[in-house]
Amino acid sequence: MVIAPLALVMVLFTARPIRNRPAAPGPAEGSQPLLVVYMIDPWVIAFSFAWMLVFLAPVLPIVSRSELYLYLPVFGVCLLAGLAADALVWRVAAHRVVRIALTVYVTALVSYQAWRALAIHRDLVFSQKLVVALRGSDELRGREGRVVLLPADDMTERFLQDSIGGYLHIVLPHALGTRKLTGAIQYRGQPPPSGDLHFRCQYDRDEVTLKRM
């Protein structure tokens, strides 16, 4: 959310703002455009930075753990990007170069967003299938203790890591409707967590299967 507007600012600042020299009496056909800096109202810039600081400063210690707190502050960054667009897109020496740069930028950003949307959709589908498998497990119904899931292959591990992460202890009570079960996932390269129940988890053909070990 922050990188995309700043990248747009960088793309726009590759342009050269110009203003035509005022017409003077006599032949002016050979006059060249005069390069100038297009000035933006400093109060608008100050407002943009103030907006970011007012909403971002109180939550700086936890921004890295909660992207929700970036939604309001990033509006100030978008204001700056909009100012750059207004100042440069319509006042540049090389319109074609800027249009090509913006086209490449927008194409790359849209492609990335589409790829991320598909990845998130796949993670949500896996999460739903995992909850269905947990609810349908006779081995878990009415049990107490700590559950450990062991991914059967690399693909299952990747889906578990991307969609569940370290929150299996929250997913289990939601899926089974009991707080007597908690859980963890044994990822590759990490020390095995302790647990009473170990299940082999496999995601294949859009179905999650759990097998007691």
C-alpha atoms as a PDB file:
ATOM      1  CA  MET A   1       0.000   0.000   0.000  1.00  0.00           C
ATOM      2  CA  VAL A   2       2.895   2.371   0.654  1.00  0.00           C
ATOM      3  CA  ILE A   3       5.258   1.099  -2.037  1.00  0.00           C
ATOM      4  CA  ALA A   4       2.750   1.392  -4.882  1.00  0.00           C
ATOM      5  CA  PRO A   5       2.045   5.155  -4.463  1.00  0.00           C
ATOM      6  CA  LEU A   6       5.738   5.889  -3.872  1.00  0.00           C
ATOM      7  CA  ALA A   7       6.625   3.940  -7.020  1.00  0.00           C
ATOM      8  CA  LEU A   8       4.135   6.073  -8.927  1.00  0.00           C
ATOM      9  CA  VAL A   9       5.813   9.197  -7.585  1.00  0.00           C
ATOM     10  CA  MET A  10       9.202   7.915  -8.758  1.00  0.00           C
ATOM     11  CA  VAL A  11       7.824   7.152 -12.231  1.00  0.00           C
ATOM     12  CA  LEU A  12       6.298  10.602 -12.543  1.00  0.00           C
ATOM     13  CA  PHE A  13       9.420  12.407 -11.360  1.00  0.00           C
ATOM     14  CA  THR A  14      11.359  10.938 -14.279  1.00  0.00           C
ATOM     15  CA  ALA A  15       9.460  13.456 -16.409  1.00  0.00           C
ATOM     16  CA  ARG A  16      10.715  16.999 -16.961  1.00  0.00           C
ATOM     17  CA  PRO A  17       8.146  19.671 -16.105  1.00  0.00           C
ATOM     18  CA  ILE A  18       8.077  22.535 -18.608  1.00  0.00           C
ATOM     19  CA  ARG A  19       6.271  25.757 -19.205  1.00  0.00           C
ATOM     20  CA  ASN A  20       6.286  27.619 -22.479  1.00  0.00           C
ATOM     21  CA  ARG A  21       8.072  30.948 -22.491  1.00  0.00           C
ATOM     22  CA  PRO A  22       5.546  33.804 -22.715  1.00  0.00           C
ATOM     23  CA  ALA A  23       5.185  35.125 -26.221  1.00  0.00           C
ATOM     24  CA  ALA A  24       7.293  38.216 -26.854  1.00  0.00           C
ATOM     25  CA  PRO A  25       6.839  40.847 -29.538  1.00  0.00           C
ATOM     26  CA  GLY A  26       8.500  39.926 -32.770  1.00  0.00           C
ATOM     27  CA  PRO A  27       9.463  36.550 -34.212  1.00  0.00           C
ATOM     28  CA  ALA A  28       9.335  33.893 -31.518  1.00  0.00           C
ATOM     29  CA  GLU A  29       9.137  30.799 -33.669  1.00  0.00           C
ATOM     30  CA  GLY A  30      12.622  29.660 -32.716  1.00  0.00           C
ATOM     31  CA  SER A  31      12.120  30.072 -28.981  1.00  0.00           C
ATOM     32  CA  GLN A  32      12.699  27.027 -26.841  1.00  0.00           C
ATOM     33  CA  PRO A  33      10.570  25.861 -23.909  1.00  0.00           C
ATOM     34  CA  LEU A  34      11.796  27.149 -20.577  1.00  0.00           C
ATOM     35  CA  LEU A  35      12.431  24.441 -17.976  1.00  0.00           C
ATOM     36  CA  VAL A  36      10.900  25.359 -14.631  1.00  0.00           C
ATOM     37  CA  VAL A  37       9.955  23.606 -11.426  1.00  0.00           C
ATOM     38  CA  TYR A  38       6.215  23.260 -11.013  1.00  0.00           C
ATOM     39  CA  MET A  39       5.521  24.437  -7.485  1.00  0.00           C
ATOM     40  CA  ILE A  40       2.902  22.726  -5.323  1.00  0.00           C
ATOM     41  CA  ASP A  41       1.122  24.536  -2.539  1.00  0.00           C
ATOM     42  CA  PRO A  42       3.219  23.801   0.579  1.00  0.00           C
ATOM     43  CA  TRP A  43       0.059  23.658   2.707  1.00  0.00           C
ATOM     44  CA  VAL A  44      -1.187  20.716   0.651  1.00  0.00           C
ATOM     45  CA  ILE A  45       2.129  18.896   1.123  1.00  0.00           C
ATOM     46  CA  ALA A  46       2.053  19.681   4.839  1.00  0.00           C
ATOM     47  CA  PHE A  47      -1.484  18.312   5.077  1.00  0.00           C
ATOM     48  CA  SER A  48      -0.414  15.070   3.377  1.00  0.00           C
ATOM     49  CA  PHE A  49       2.495  14.520   5.760  1.00  0.00           C
ATOM     50  CA  ALA A  50       0.395  15.543   8.776  1.00  0.00           C
ATOM     51  CA  TRP A  51      -2.290  13.028   7.789  1.00  0.00           C
ATOM     52  CA  MET A  52       0.315  10.240   7.691  1.00  0.00           C
ATOM     53  CA  LEU A  53       1.915  11.180  10.999  1.00  0.00           C
ATOM     54  CA  VAL A  54      -1.314  11.709  12.944  1.00  0.00           C
ATOM     55  CA  PHE A  55      -2.604   8.225  12.149  1.00  0.00           C
ATOM     56  CA  LEU A  56       0.718   6.382  11.992  1.00  0.00           C
ATOM     57  CA  ALA A  57       2.614   7.734  15.017  1.00  0.00           C
ATOM     58  CA  PRO A  58       0.338   6.227  17.743  1.00  0.00           C
ATOM     59  CA  VAL A  59       0.715   2.710  16.313  1.00  0.00           C
ATOM     60  CA  LEU A  60       4.343   2.691  15.157  1.00  0.00           C
ATOM     61  CA  PRO A  61       5.353  -0.140  17.550  1.00  0.00           C
ATOM     62  CA  ILE A  62       2.822  -2.538  15.998  1.00  0.00           C
ATOM     63  CA  VAL A  63       2.619  -1.517  12.338  1.00  0.00           C
ATOM     64  CA  SER A  64       4.740  -4.468  11.251  1.00  0.00           C
ATOM     65  CA  ARG A  65       2.259  -6.870  12.838  1.00  0.00           C
ATOM     66  CA  SER A  66      -1.009  -5.336  11.697  1.00  0.00           C
ATOM     67  CA  GLU A  67      -1.424  -3.956   8.201  1.00  0.00           C
ATOM     68  CA  LEU A  68      -4.841  -2.576   9.194  1.00  0.00           C
ATOM     69  CA  TYR A  69      -3.079   0.423  10.712  1.00  0.00           C
ATOM     70  CA  LEU A  70      -1.651   1.355   7.317  1.00  0.00           C
ATOM     71  CA  TYR A  71      -5.016   1.934   5.665  1.00  0.00           C
ATOM     72  CA  LEU A  72      -5.534   5.473   6.985  1.00  0.00           C
ATOM     73  CA  PRO A  73      -1.915   6.724   6.957  1.00  0.00           C
ATOM     74  CA  VAL A  74      -1.334   5.588   3.381  1.00  0.00           C
ATOM     75  CA  PHE A  75      -4.020   8.018   2.232  1.00  0.00           C
ATOM     76  CA  GLY A  76      -1.462  10.762   2.811  1.00  0.00           C
ATOM     77  CA  VAL A  77       0.991   8.957   0.538  1.00  0.00           C
ATOM     78  CA  CYS A  78      -1.710   8.687  -2.108  1.00  0.00           C
ATOM     79  CA  LEU A  79      -2.300  12.440  -1.840  1.00  0.00           C
ATOM     80  CA  LEU A  80       1.377  13.054  -2.561  1.00  0.00           C
ATOM     81  CA  ALA A  81       1.238  10.681  -5.515  1.00  0.00           C
ATOM     82  CA  GLY A  82      -1.831  12.511  -6.815  1.00  0.00           C
ATOM     83  CA  LEU A  83      -0.063  15.857  -6.476  1.00  0.00           C
ATOM     84  CA  ALA A  84       2.878  14.527  -8.454  1.00  0.00           C
ATOM     85  CA  ALA A  85       0.512  13.228 -11.124  1.00  0.00           C
ATOM     86  CA  ASP A  86      -1.306  16.544 -11.370  1.00  0.00           C
ATOM     87  CA  ALA A  87       1.943  18.490 -11.513  1.00  0.00           C
ATOM     88  CA  LEU A  88       3.795  16.362 -14.021  1.00  0.00           C
ATOM     89  CA  VAL A  89       1.483  14.311 -16.225  1.00  0.00           C
ATOM     90  CA  TRP A  90       0.021  17.408 -17.850  1.00  0.00           C
ATOM     91  CA  ARG A  91       3.232  19.458 -17.789  1.00  0.00           C
ATOM     92  CA  VAL A  92       6.021  17.270 -19.128  1.00  0.00           C
ATOM     93  CA  ALA A  93       8.478  17.558 -21.962  1.00  0.00           C
ATOM     94  CA  ALA A  94       8.145  13.944 -23.103  1.00  0.00           C
ATOM     95  CA  HIS A  95       4.483  12.936 -22.973  1.00  0.00           C
ATOM     96  CA  ARG A  96       5.128   9.668 -24.806  1.00  0.00           C
ATOM     97  CA  VAL A  97       7.833   8.539 -22.383  1.00  0.00           C
ATOM     98  CA  VAL A  98       5.630   9.267 -19.377  1.00  0.00           C
ATOM     99  CA  ARG A  99       2.658   7.477 -20.893  1.00  0.00           C
ATOM    100  CA  ILE A 100       4.789   4.405 -21.623  1.00  0.00           C
ATOM    101  CA  ALA A 101       6.207   4.470 -18.085  1.00  0.00           C
ATOM    102  CA  LEU A 102       2.732   4.783 -16.574  1.00  0.00           C
ATOM    103  CA  THR A 103       1.406   1.997 -18.790  1.00  0.00           C
ATOM    104  CA  VAL A 104       4.206  -0.329 -17.673  1.00  0.00           C
ATOM    105  CA  TYR A 105       3.634   0.680 -14.043  1.00  0.00           C
ATOM    106  CA  VAL A 106      -0.120   0.123 -14.147  1.00  0.00           C
ATOM    107  CA  THR A 107       0.271  -3.189 -16.012  1.00  0.00           C
ATOM    108  CA  ALA A 108       2.799  -4.462 -13.481  1.00  0.00           C
ATOM    109  CA  LEU A 109       0.654  -3.354 -10.533  1.00  0.00           C
ATOM    110  CA  VAL A 110      -2.545  -4.877 -11.943  1.00  0.00           C
ATOM    111  CA  SER A 111      -0.731  -8.134 -12.746  1.00  0.00           C
ATOM    112  CA  TYR A 112       0.648  -8.324  -9.219  1.00  0.00           C
ATOM    113  CA  GLN A 113      -2.755  -7.626  -7.676  1.00  0.00           C
ATOM    114  CA  ALA A 114      -4.400 -10.273  -9.851  1.00  0.00           C
ATOM    115  CA  TRP A 115      -1.731 -12.812  -8.884  1.00  0.00           C
ATOM    116  CA  ARG A 116      -2.161 -11.982  -5.198  1.00  0.00           C
ATOM    117  CA  ALA A 117      -5.952 -12.231  -5.471  1.00  0.00           C
ATOM    118  CA  LEU A 118      -5.684 -15.710  -6.979  1.00  0.00           C
ATOM    119  CA  ALA A 119      -3.200 -16.783  -4.282  1.00  0.00           C
ATOM    120  CA  ILE A 120      -5.457 -15.487  -1.505  1.00  0.00           C
ATOM    121  CA  HIS A 121      -8.446 -17.260  -3.054  1.00  0.00           C
ATOM    122  CA  ARG A 122      -6.524 -20.548  -3.095  1.00  0.00           C
ATOM    123  CA  ASP A 123      -5.545 -20.054   0.551  1.00  0.00           C
ATOM    124  CA  LEU A 124      -9.163 -19.397   1.520  1.00  0.00           C
ATOM    125  CA  VAL A 125     -10.315 -22.526  -0.292  1.00  0.00           C
ATOM    126  CA  PHE A 126      -7.684 -24.565   1.551  1.00  0.00           C
ATOM    127  CA  SER A 127      -8.725 -23.049   4.894  1.00  0.00           C
ATOM    128  CA  GLN A 128     -12.340 -24.012   4.245  1.00  0.00           C
ATOM    129  CA  LYS A 129     -11.346 -27.568   3.304  1.00  0.00           C
ATOM    130  CA  LEU A 130      -9.201 -27.862   6.451  1.00  0.00           C
ATOM    131  CA  VAL A 131     -12.075 -26.768   8.683  1.00  0.00           C
ATOM    132  CA  VAL A 132     -14.356 -29.315   6.993  1.00  0.00           C
ATOM    133  CA  ALA A 133     -11.761 -32.061   7.556  1.00  0.00           C
ATOM    134  CA  LEU A 134     -11.338 -31.117  11.223  1.00  0.00           C
ATOM    135  CA  ARG A 135     -15.094 -31.146  11.822  1.00  0.00           C
ATOM    136  CA  GLY A 136     -15.447 -34.513  10.107  1.00  0.00           C
ATOM    137  CA  SER A 137     -12.653 -36.224  12.051  1.00  0.00           C
ATOM    138  CA  ASP A 138     -13.914 -38.884  14.474  1.00  0.00           C
ATOM    139  CA  GLU A 139     -10.472 -38.931  16.118  1.00  0.00           C
ATOM    140  CA  LEU A 140     -10.852 -35.332  17.260  1.00  0.00           C
ATOM    141  CA  ARG A 141     -14.461 -35.352  18.351  1.00  0.00           C
ATOM    142  CA  GLY A 142     -14.715 -35.203  22.130  1.00  0.00           C
ATOM    143  CA  ARG A 143     -10.923 -35.256  22.669  1.00  0.00           C
ATOM    144  CA  GLU A 144      -8.774 -32.985  24.812  1.00  0.00           C
ATOM    145  CA  GLY A 145      -5.147 -31.969  24.591  1.00  0.00           C
ATOM    146  CA  ARG A 146      -2.764 -30.601  21.989  1.00  0.00           C
ATOM    147  CA  VAL A 147      -3.011 -31.499  18.295  1.00  0.00           C
ATOM    148  CA  VAL A 148       0.017 -31.447  16.001  1.00  0.00           C
ATOM    149  CA  LEU A 149      -0.418 -31.401  12.208  1.00  0.00           C
ATOM    150  CA  LEU A 150       2.427 -32.782  10.087  1.00  0.00           C
ATOM    151  CA  PRO A 151       2.286 -31.740   6.396  1.00  0.00           C
ATOM    152  CA  ALA A 152       2.510 -34.731   4.071  1.00  0.00           C
ATOM    153  CA  ASP A 153       4.268 -32.853   1.249  1.00  0.00           C
ATOM    154  CA  ASP A 154       5.673 -29.491   0.236  1.00  0.00           C
ATOM    155  CA  MET A 155       2.423 -28.225  -1.271  1.00  0.00           C
ATOM    156  CA  THR A 156       0.435 -28.980   1.885  1.00  0.00           C
ATOM    157  CA  GLU A 157       3.094 -27.316   4.020  1.00  0.00           C
ATOM    158  CA  ARG A 158       3.003 -24.211   1.853  1.00  0.00           C
ATOM    159  CA  PHE A 159      -0.784 -23.957   2.117  1.00  0.00           C
ATOM    160  CA  LEU A 160      -0.675 -24.491   5.875  1.00  0.00           C
ATOM    161  CA  GLN A 161       1.982 -21.846   6.277  1.00  0.00           C
ATOM    162  CA  ASP A 162       0.275 -19.280   4.038  1.00  0.00           C
ATOM    163  CA  SER A 163      -3.296 -19.757   5.232  1.00  0.00           C
ATOM    164  CA  ILE A 164      -3.010 -20.976   8.846  1.00  0.00           C
ATOM    165  CA  GLY A 165       0.484 -19.979   9.940  1.00  0.00           C
ATOM    166  CA  GLY A 166       0.727 -20.158  13.707  1.00  0.00           C
ATOM    167  CA  TYR A 167      -3.001 -19.872  14.355  1.00  0.00           C
ATOM    168  CA  LEU A 168      -4.069 -23.500  14.487  1.00  0.00           C
ATOM    169  CA  HIS A 169      -4.895 -22.998  18.168  1.00  0.00           C
ATOM    170  CA  ILE A 170      -7.591 -20.560  17.009  1.00  0.00           C
ATOM    171  CA  VAL A 171      -8.810 -22.621  14.046  1.00  0.00           C
ATOM    172  CA  LEU A 172      -9.398 -25.755  16.150  1.00  0.00           C
ATOM    173  CA  PRO A 173     -11.891 -24.200  18.610  1.00  0.00           C
ATOM    174  CA  HIS A 174     -13.664 -22.533  15.686  1.00  0.00           C
ATOM    175  CA  ALA A 175     -13.927 -25.782  13.737  1.00  0.00           C
ATOM    176  CA  LEU A 176     -14.846 -28.111  16.621  1.00  0.00           C
ATOM    177  CA  GLY A 177     -16.670 -25.741  18.948  1.00  0.00           C
ATOM    178  CA  THR A 178     -14.548 -26.622  21.987  1.00  0.00           C
ATOM    179  CA  ARG A 179     -11.712 -24.964  23.844  1.00  0.00           C
ATOM    180  CA  LYS A 180     -10.378 -28.245  25.166  1.00  0.00           C
ATOM    181  CA  LEU A 181      -8.222 -28.691  22.067  1.00  0.00           C
ATOM    182  CA  THR A 182      -5.243 -26.609  21.086  1.00  0.00           C
ATOM    183  CA  GLY A 183      -2.777 -27.207  18.314  1.00  0.00           C
ATOM    184  CA  ALA A 184       0.353 -26.438  16.347  1.00  0.00           C
ATOM    185  CA  ILE A 185       1.856 -27.259  12.954  1.00  0.00           C
ATOM    186  CA  GLN A 186       5.246 -28.892  12.524  1.00  0.00           C
ATOM    187  CA  TYR A 187       6.963 -26.980   9.743  1.00  0.00           C
ATOM    188  CA  ARG A 188      10.186 -28.131   8.150  1.00  0.00           C
ATOM    189  CA  GLY A 189      13.305 -26.791   9.836  1.00  0.00           C
ATOM    190  CA  GLN A 190      11.529 -25.997  13.092  1.00  0.00           C
ATOM    191  CA  PRO A 191      11.725 -27.980  16.337  1.00  0.00           C
ATOM    192  CA  PRO A 192       8.815 -30.418  16.630  1.00  0.00           C
ATOM    193  CA  PRO A 193       6.101 -29.090  18.945  1.00  0.00           C
ATOM    194  CA  SER A 194       4.875 -31.258  21.772  1.00  0.00           C
ATOM    195  CA  GLY A 195       1.417 -32.735  21.485  1.00  0.00           C
ATOM    196  CA  ASP A 196      -0.865 -35.601  22.436  1.00  0.00           C
ATOM    197  CA  LEU A 197      -2.397 -36.172  19.009  1.00  0.00           C
ATOM    198  CA  HIS A 198      -0.357 -36.227  15.804  1.00  0.00           C
ATOM    199  CA  PHE A 199      -2.100 -36.107  12.424  1.00  0.00           C
ATOM    200  CA  ARG A 200      -0.687 -36.375   8.943  1.00  0.00           C
ATOM    201  CA  CYS A 201      -2.294 -33.630   6.862  1.00  0.00           C
ATOM    202  CA  GLN A 202      -2.453 -33.861   3.071  1.00  0.00           C
ATOM    203  CA  TYR A 203      -4.044 -31.539   0.516  1.00  0.00           C
ATOM    204  CA  ASP A 204      -4.741 -33.366  -2.727  1.00  0.00           C
ATOM    205  CA  ARG A 205      -7.397 -32.917  -5.415  1.00  0.00           C
ATOM    206  CA  ASP A 206      -8.993 -30.025  -3.537  1.00  0.00           C
ATOM    207  CA  GLU A 207      -9.551 -32.161  -0.458  1.00  0.00           C
ATOM    208  CA  VAL A 208      -7.808 -32.167   2.935  1.00  0.00           C
ATOM    209  CA  THR A 209      -7.335 -35.553   4.598  1.00  0.00           C
ATOM    210  CA  LEU A 210      -6.228 -36.121   8.196  1.00  0.00           C
ATOM    211  CA  LYS A 211      -4.709 -39.410   9.299  1.00  0.00           C
ATOM    212  CA  ARG A 212      -3.882 -40.271  12.913  1.00  0.00           C
ATOM    213  CA  MET A 213      -0.222 -41.206  13.428  1.00  0.00           C
END
